[in-house]
Amino acid sequence: MTLDMAQLRAGVGTLVGTSGWRTISQDLIDAFAEVSGDHNWIHVDPVRAAADGPCDRPIAHGLLTVTLVPRFVAEVIDVTVLTRRSVNYGLDRVRFITPVPAGSRIRGHVTVQELQELSPGMSYRVTFSVVVELEGAGKPACVATLISQLSN
């Protein structure tokens, strides 16, 4: 969705959209384990995870799930048409509520929580509340507040 700054401002406090589904494959989990160095059996050992884990298979790293939050926001709102530059400013209130089993699908529900104008017409800080839904689960996989800095 493409929004201008007035529409983004008007959207504060409202759900502005939902991203598409993303499958969390075992290959993706294994690749994240390589990059992060976190090879805990609960993520990479299907046999042990089935026997001793919270699900019948390995689960994604919580940090893998939260890594997808900016992607979900970008799918919902194309901020590049608003400003020349968009950078991650930080994350707040990250919680991993429900494990994400390998092979399951997640998506992000994005709400604009706050829009601060730092420099008139030049620089903004936008706070997004993102609820990561796990398909078929009664509770979210993750909730997080993403803060982005936009500037011209």
C-alpha atoms as a PDB file:
ATOM      1  CA  MET A   1       0.000   0.000   0.000  1.00  0.00           C
ATOM      2  CA  THR A   2       1.316   3.436  -0.873  1.00  0.00           C
ATOM      3  CA  LEU A   3       0.430   6.204   1.569  1.00  0.00           C
ATOM      4  CA  ASP A   4       1.361   9.861   1.523  1.00  0.00           C
ATOM      5  CA  MET A   5       2.393  11.564   4.763  1.00  0.00           C
ATOM      6  CA  ALA A   6      -1.118  12.929   5.402  1.00  0.00           C
ATOM      7  CA  GLN A   7      -2.594   9.433   5.066  1.00  0.00           C
ATOM      8  CA  LEU A   8       0.089   7.991   7.320  1.00  0.00           C
ATOM      9  CA  ARG A   9      -0.653  10.685   9.916  1.00  0.00           C
ATOM     10  CA  ALA A  10      -4.395  10.003   9.623  1.00  0.00           C
ATOM     11  CA  GLY A  11      -3.704   6.300  10.127  1.00  0.00           C
ATOM     12  CA  VAL A  12      -2.165   6.748  13.580  1.00  0.00           C
ATOM     13  CA  GLY A  13      -3.881   4.409  16.009  1.00  0.00           C
ATOM     14  CA  THR A  14      -5.377   2.201  13.314  1.00  0.00           C
ATOM     15  CA  LEU A  15      -4.542  -1.107  11.693  1.00  0.00           C
ATOM     16  CA  VAL A  16      -3.207  -0.064   8.295  1.00  0.00           C
ATOM     17  CA  GLY A  17      -2.809  -3.512   6.815  1.00  0.00           C
ATOM     18  CA  THR A  18      -1.745  -7.126   6.948  1.00  0.00           C
ATOM     19  CA  SER A  19       1.219  -8.617   5.121  1.00  0.00           C
ATOM     20  CA  GLY A  20       1.134 -11.772   3.057  1.00  0.00           C
ATOM     21  CA  TRP A  21       1.834 -15.150   4.609  1.00  0.00           C
ATOM     22  CA  ARG A  22       5.457 -16.274   4.935  1.00  0.00           C
ATOM     23  CA  THR A  23       6.300 -19.969   5.300  1.00  0.00           C
ATOM     24  CA  ILE A  24       8.960 -20.652   7.901  1.00  0.00           C
ATOM     25  CA  SER A  25      10.705 -23.653   6.376  1.00  0.00           C
ATOM     26  CA  GLN A  26      13.287 -25.833   8.088  1.00  0.00           C
ATOM     27  CA  ASP A  27      15.773 -24.604   5.458  1.00  0.00           C
ATOM     28  CA  LEU A  28      15.145 -21.005   6.577  1.00  0.00           C
ATOM     29  CA  ILE A  29      15.564 -22.003  10.231  1.00  0.00           C
ATOM     30  CA  ASP A  30      18.812 -23.843   9.422  1.00  0.00           C
ATOM     31  CA  ALA A  31      20.141 -20.843   7.478  1.00  0.00           C
ATOM     32  CA  PHE A  32      19.329 -18.557  10.420  1.00  0.00           C
ATOM     33  CA  ALA A  33      21.092 -21.001  12.758  1.00  0.00           C
ATOM     34  CA  GLU A  34      24.198 -20.725  10.569  1.00  0.00           C
ATOM     35  CA  VAL A  35      24.147 -16.929  10.507  1.00  0.00           C
ATOM     36  CA  SER A  36      23.349 -16.511  14.203  1.00  0.00           C
ATOM     37  CA  GLY A  37      25.446 -19.390  15.514  1.00  0.00           C
ATOM     38  CA  ASP A  38      22.441 -20.669  17.474  1.00  0.00           C
ATOM     39  CA  HIS A  39      22.351 -24.406  16.711  1.00  0.00           C
ATOM     40  CA  ASN A  40      20.192 -25.373  19.691  1.00  0.00           C
ATOM     41  CA  TRP A  41      18.556 -28.748  19.079  1.00  0.00           C
ATOM     42  CA  ILE A  42      15.088 -27.219  19.480  1.00  0.00           C
ATOM     43  CA  HIS A  43      15.692 -25.431  16.152  1.00  0.00           C
ATOM     44  CA  VAL A  44      17.828 -27.825  14.098  1.00  0.00           C
ATOM     45  CA  ASP A  45      17.294 -31.414  15.282  1.00  0.00           C
ATOM     46  CA  PRO A  46      13.936 -32.771  14.020  1.00  0.00           C
ATOM     47  CA  VAL A  47      14.228 -36.084  15.893  1.00  0.00           C
ATOM     48  CA  ARG A  48      15.010 -34.579  19.285  1.00  0.00           C
ATOM     49  CA  ALA A  49      12.584 -31.679  18.778  1.00  0.00           C
ATOM     50  CA  ALA A  50       9.791 -34.185  18.093  1.00  0.00           C
ATOM     51  CA  ALA A  51      10.635 -36.085  21.272  1.00  0.00           C
ATOM     52  CA  ASP A  52      11.520 -33.286  23.690  1.00  0.00           C
ATOM     53  CA  GLY A  53      10.317 -29.996  22.189  1.00  0.00           C
ATOM     54  CA  PRO A  54       7.095 -28.043  22.655  1.00  0.00           C
ATOM     55  CA  CYS A  55       5.866 -29.086  19.182  1.00  0.00           C
ATOM     56  CA  ASP A  56       6.209 -32.230  17.111  1.00  0.00           C
ATOM     57  CA  ARG A  57       9.067 -30.633  15.115  1.00  0.00           C
ATOM     58  CA  PRO A  58      11.728 -27.931  15.387  1.00  0.00           C
ATOM     59  CA  ILE A  59      10.695 -24.352  16.066  1.00  0.00           C
ATOM     60  CA  ALA A  60      12.007 -21.109  14.606  1.00  0.00           C
ATOM     61  CA  HIS A  61      14.343 -18.919  16.606  1.00  0.00           C
ATOM     62  CA  GLY A  62      12.425 -16.052  18.195  1.00  0.00           C
ATOM     63  CA  LEU A  63      14.960 -13.683  16.670  1.00  0.00           C
ATOM     64  CA  LEU A  64      14.216 -15.120  13.209  1.00  0.00           C
ATOM     65  CA  THR A  65      10.568 -14.250  13.728  1.00  0.00           C
ATOM     66  CA  VAL A  66      11.313 -10.692  14.864  1.00  0.00           C
ATOM     67  CA  THR A  67      13.765 -10.253  11.968  1.00  0.00           C
ATOM     68  CA  LEU A  68      10.770 -10.476   9.631  1.00  0.00           C
ATOM     69  CA  VAL A  69       8.902  -7.605  11.337  1.00  0.00           C
ATOM     70  CA  PRO A  70      10.439  -4.839   9.139  1.00  0.00           C
ATOM     71  CA  ARG A  71       9.642  -6.930   6.069  1.00  0.00           C
ATOM     72  CA  PHE A  72       5.998  -7.210   7.116  1.00  0.00           C
ATOM     73  CA  VAL A  73       5.820  -3.438   7.627  1.00  0.00           C
ATOM     74  CA  ALA A  74       7.411  -2.834   4.207  1.00  0.00           C
ATOM     75  CA  GLU A  75       4.844  -5.118   2.574  1.00  0.00           C
ATOM     76  CA  VAL A  76       2.024  -3.100   4.114  1.00  0.00           C
ATOM     77  CA  ILE A  77       3.412   0.440   3.753  1.00  0.00           C
ATOM     78  CA  ASP A  78       5.851   1.582   1.077  1.00  0.00           C
ATOM     79  CA  VAL A  79       7.629   4.339   3.004  1.00  0.00           C
ATOM     80  CA  THR A  80      10.189   4.834   0.222  1.00  0.00           C
ATOM     81  CA  VAL A  81       7.684   7.000  -1.651  1.00  0.00           C
ATOM     82  CA  LEU A  82       7.417   9.281   1.400  1.00  0.00           C
ATOM     83  CA  THR A  83      11.105   9.960   1.952  1.00  0.00           C
ATOM     84  CA  ARG A  84      14.513   9.286   0.454  1.00  0.00           C
ATOM     85  CA  ARG A  85      15.728   7.197   3.349  1.00  0.00           C
ATOM     86  CA  SER A  86      14.205   4.830   5.865  1.00  0.00           C
ATOM     87  CA  VAL A  87      16.271   3.184   8.593  1.00  0.00           C
ATOM     88  CA  ASN A  88      15.431   1.024  11.576  1.00  0.00           C
ATOM     89  CA  TYR A  89      15.678   3.114  14.734  1.00  0.00           C
ATOM     90  CA  GLY A  90      14.939   0.266  17.126  1.00  0.00           C
ATOM     91  CA  LEU A  91      12.540  -2.247  18.588  1.00  0.00           C
ATOM     92  CA  ASP A  92      10.565  -2.049  21.821  1.00  0.00           C
ATOM     93  CA  ARG A  93       8.320  -4.434  23.710  1.00  0.00           C
ATOM     94  CA  VAL A  94       9.296  -7.585  21.815  1.00  0.00           C
ATOM     95  CA  ARG A  95       7.572 -10.694  23.125  1.00  0.00           C
ATOM     96  CA  PHE A  96       7.664 -14.260  21.801  1.00  0.00           C
ATOM     97  CA  ILE A  97       4.285 -15.667  22.755  1.00  0.00           C
ATOM     98  CA  THR A  98       3.762 -18.825  20.703  1.00  0.00           C
ATOM     99  CA  PRO A  99       6.471 -21.055  19.183  1.00  0.00           C
ATOM    100  CA  VAL A 100       6.632 -21.078  15.369  1.00  0.00           C
ATOM    101  CA  PRO A 101       7.024 -24.696  14.182  1.00  0.00           C
ATOM    102  CA  ALA A 102       9.004 -25.460  11.037  1.00  0.00           C
ATOM    103  CA  GLY A 103       6.692 -25.500   8.015  1.00  0.00           C
ATOM    104  CA  SER A 104       4.137 -23.128   9.522  1.00  0.00           C
ATOM    105  CA  ARG A 105       3.108 -19.736   8.162  1.00  0.00           C
ATOM    106  CA  ILE A 106       3.186 -16.310   9.761  1.00  0.00           C
ATOM    107  CA  ARG A 107       2.111 -12.816   8.747  1.00  0.00           C
ATOM    108  CA  GLY A 108       2.179  -9.351  10.271  1.00  0.00           C
ATOM    109  CA  HIS A 109      -0.715  -7.087  11.240  1.00  0.00           C
ATOM    110  CA  VAL A 110       0.620  -3.518  11.191  1.00  0.00           C
ATOM    111  CA  THR A 111      -0.719  -0.559  13.166  1.00  0.00           C
ATOM    112  CA  VAL A 112       0.746   2.948  13.006  1.00  0.00           C
ATOM    113  CA  GLN A 113       1.164   3.745  16.683  1.00  0.00           C
ATOM    114  CA  GLU A 114       2.841   7.155  16.507  1.00  0.00           C
ATOM    115  CA  LEU A 115       4.208   9.634  13.956  1.00  0.00           C
ATOM    116  CA  GLN A 116       6.662  12.267  15.182  1.00  0.00           C
ATOM    117  CA  GLU A 117       7.833  15.064  12.929  1.00  0.00           C
ATOM    118  CA  LEU A 118      11.453  15.666  13.953  1.00  0.00           C
ATOM    119  CA  SER A 119      12.229  18.343  11.372  1.00  0.00           C
ATOM    120  CA  PRO A 120       9.312  19.962   9.486  1.00  0.00           C
ATOM    121  CA  GLY A 121       8.869  18.207   6.166  1.00  0.00           C
ATOM    122  CA  MET A 122      12.306  16.597   6.411  1.00  0.00           C
ATOM    123  CA  SER A 123      12.533  13.974   9.125  1.00  0.00           C
ATOM    124  CA  TYR A 124      10.032  11.708  10.882  1.00  0.00           C
ATOM    125  CA  ARG A 125      10.028   8.920  13.432  1.00  0.00           C
ATOM    126  CA  VAL A 126       7.260   6.373  12.936  1.00  0.00           C
ATOM    127  CA  THR A 127       6.336   3.771  15.520  1.00  0.00           C
ATOM    128  CA  PHE A 128       4.604   0.634  14.255  1.00  0.00           C
ATOM    129  CA  SER A 129       2.927  -1.982  16.409  1.00  0.00           C
ATOM    130  CA  VAL A 130       3.211  -5.375  14.729  1.00  0.00           C
ATOM    131  CA  VAL A 131       1.369  -8.522  15.747  1.00  0.00           C
ATOM    132  CA  VAL A 132       2.867 -11.607  14.105  1.00  0.00           C
ATOM    133  CA  GLU A 133       0.070 -14.086  13.545  1.00  0.00           C
ATOM    134  CA  LEU A 134       0.789 -17.815  13.454  1.00  0.00           C
ATOM    135  CA  GLU A 135      -1.675 -19.476  11.097  1.00  0.00           C
ATOM    136  CA  GLY A 136      -4.155 -21.610  13.033  1.00  0.00           C
ATOM    137  CA  ALA A 137      -2.960 -20.526  16.481  1.00  0.00           C
ATOM    138  CA  GLY A 138      -5.135 -18.784  19.031  1.00  0.00           C
ATOM    139  CA  LYS A 139      -2.338 -16.479  20.182  1.00  0.00           C
ATOM    140  CA  PRO A 140       0.233 -14.435  18.236  1.00  0.00           C
ATOM    141  CA  ALA A 141       3.691 -15.826  17.601  1.00  0.00           C
ATOM    142  CA  CYS A 142       5.252 -12.488  18.458  1.00  0.00           C
ATOM    143  CA  VAL A 143       4.391  -8.877  19.174  1.00  0.00           C
ATOM    144  CA  ALA A 144       6.841  -6.035  18.659  1.00  0.00           C
ATOM    145  CA  THR A 145       7.036  -2.284  18.329  1.00  0.00           C
ATOM    146  CA  LEU A 146       9.222  -1.215  15.392  1.00  0.00           C
ATOM    147  CA  ILE A 147      10.530   2.336  15.242  1.00  0.00           C
ATOM    148  CA  SER A 148      11.642   3.690  11.861  1.00  0.00           C
ATOM    149  CA  GLN A 149      13.349   6.952  11.041  1.00  0.00           C
ATOM    150  CA  LEU A 150      12.340   8.535   7.715  1.00  0.00           C
ATOM    151  CA  SER A 151      14.228  11.434   6.200  1.00  0.00           C
ATOM    152  CA  ASN A 152      14.549  13.437   2.991  1.00  0.00           C
END
